[in-house]
Amino acid sequence: MTINVKFFIRVSKKSKDEATIRVRVNKGRQSMYAKTEIQVKPDHWSNRTGTYTQRAELEDRDDKVKKLDDLKKYIKDKYLDLPNKDNIDSDWLNKTIDQAFNPDKYLPENVSLFGFIKHHFIDNVDKRTNPDTGQPINYRTKLEYANTFRLLKKYAQEYGEPDFIDIDLEFYNNFVDFLRHQKVIIKDKEGNIVKEKYLAVNTIGKKIRTLKVFLNAATEKGVNKYMKYKSKNFKAISEEADNIYLTKEELTQFYQHDFSKKPYLEKVRDLFIVAAWTGVRYSDIQQIRPERITDNIFTIKQQKKTRKKAVIPINGVVWNIINKYKGKLPKPIS
């Protein structure tokens, strides 16, 4: 038997400014209730739809909706994992919600390095926030966590799985040497190998920095007690990179190139030109709309990556591209 999960709020005189989002789980004729840790303004909520209203004046509405969707999925997945699905009640629901919001409380005793990384940085990464911004972990950081963990597991296949006690300078030298021999394979749309190359020095350094993020988190949680990774020689290697850029003349030449026979390339080119002249990330580029531009100045109230405000001048070339698409730039190709 499946369960139905619905979110709702109760508004009283005490909670007219903010209300707690609650959960109701229905399993056949049985109903269970619990509270979440999430507060919402009643004007921003609809009990009919069980989520935030479309008109809610929230710049991070999508993040808040995703948080509820993730919680709903978490509850359903926990239910499906139960060997005996008959013995669920409000206590089970409350504990499940607490596990969702406070996963570190439920870390198993004597957890291994790989177990900690999987629990903290892979399985529960959506419940963590960036300590610098207070915002959810962004997609690129999640990808970096996953890629570094993948390489650690690949290393373990060759050298054995390292635990906290094994992370010392000998491990560091072995892991860096291992990374130097890892290849990146680039394929075309048909799956044919176009290019093979070894990991760059700065990429290897990034993996070491990410490993230290894992270890610092484990140390802060009291899971790791071995500090040899803090040695000054356990460092992220790097080299000066060549920064490639286009001149104004090259940008103009690219902008004037005729891509009419390949419309999809024309769209890619136009988005690139907008990004080049404004410095706006691809993730924010669709925010550039005429109604947000005043006196040729475009203001991003909250960038997706940094969550900070940005003020950007709009030149004639960018205006031409905006008008070409009738005020709505095409979606970036992922």
Foldseek 3Di string as FASTA:
>chain_A
DAKDKAWDWDDDPVAQQKTWIKIWIDDPPDIAIDTAPDIDHPVQDDRVVRAGDPPPPDPCRVLRRVLVVVLRVQVRVVLVPDPDNPPDHNVNVHVSNCCLQPVLVVQDPLAWLLRLLCSDLNPNQQNDADPVQRHRDDPVVSVLSVVLSVLLVVLCVVVNRDTLQRPAVVVLVSSLVSQQPDKDFDADPVRHTDDIDGDDLQSQLSSLVSSVVSVVVCVVSVNHDDDNCVDPVVHRGDDDDDDDDDDPVRLVVLLPDDPVVPVVVNLQNLLVSLCNQWVADLVCSQVQFPVQADPQKHWDPQHPNNGHIDITGHDPSNVVQCVVVPGGRDRDDD
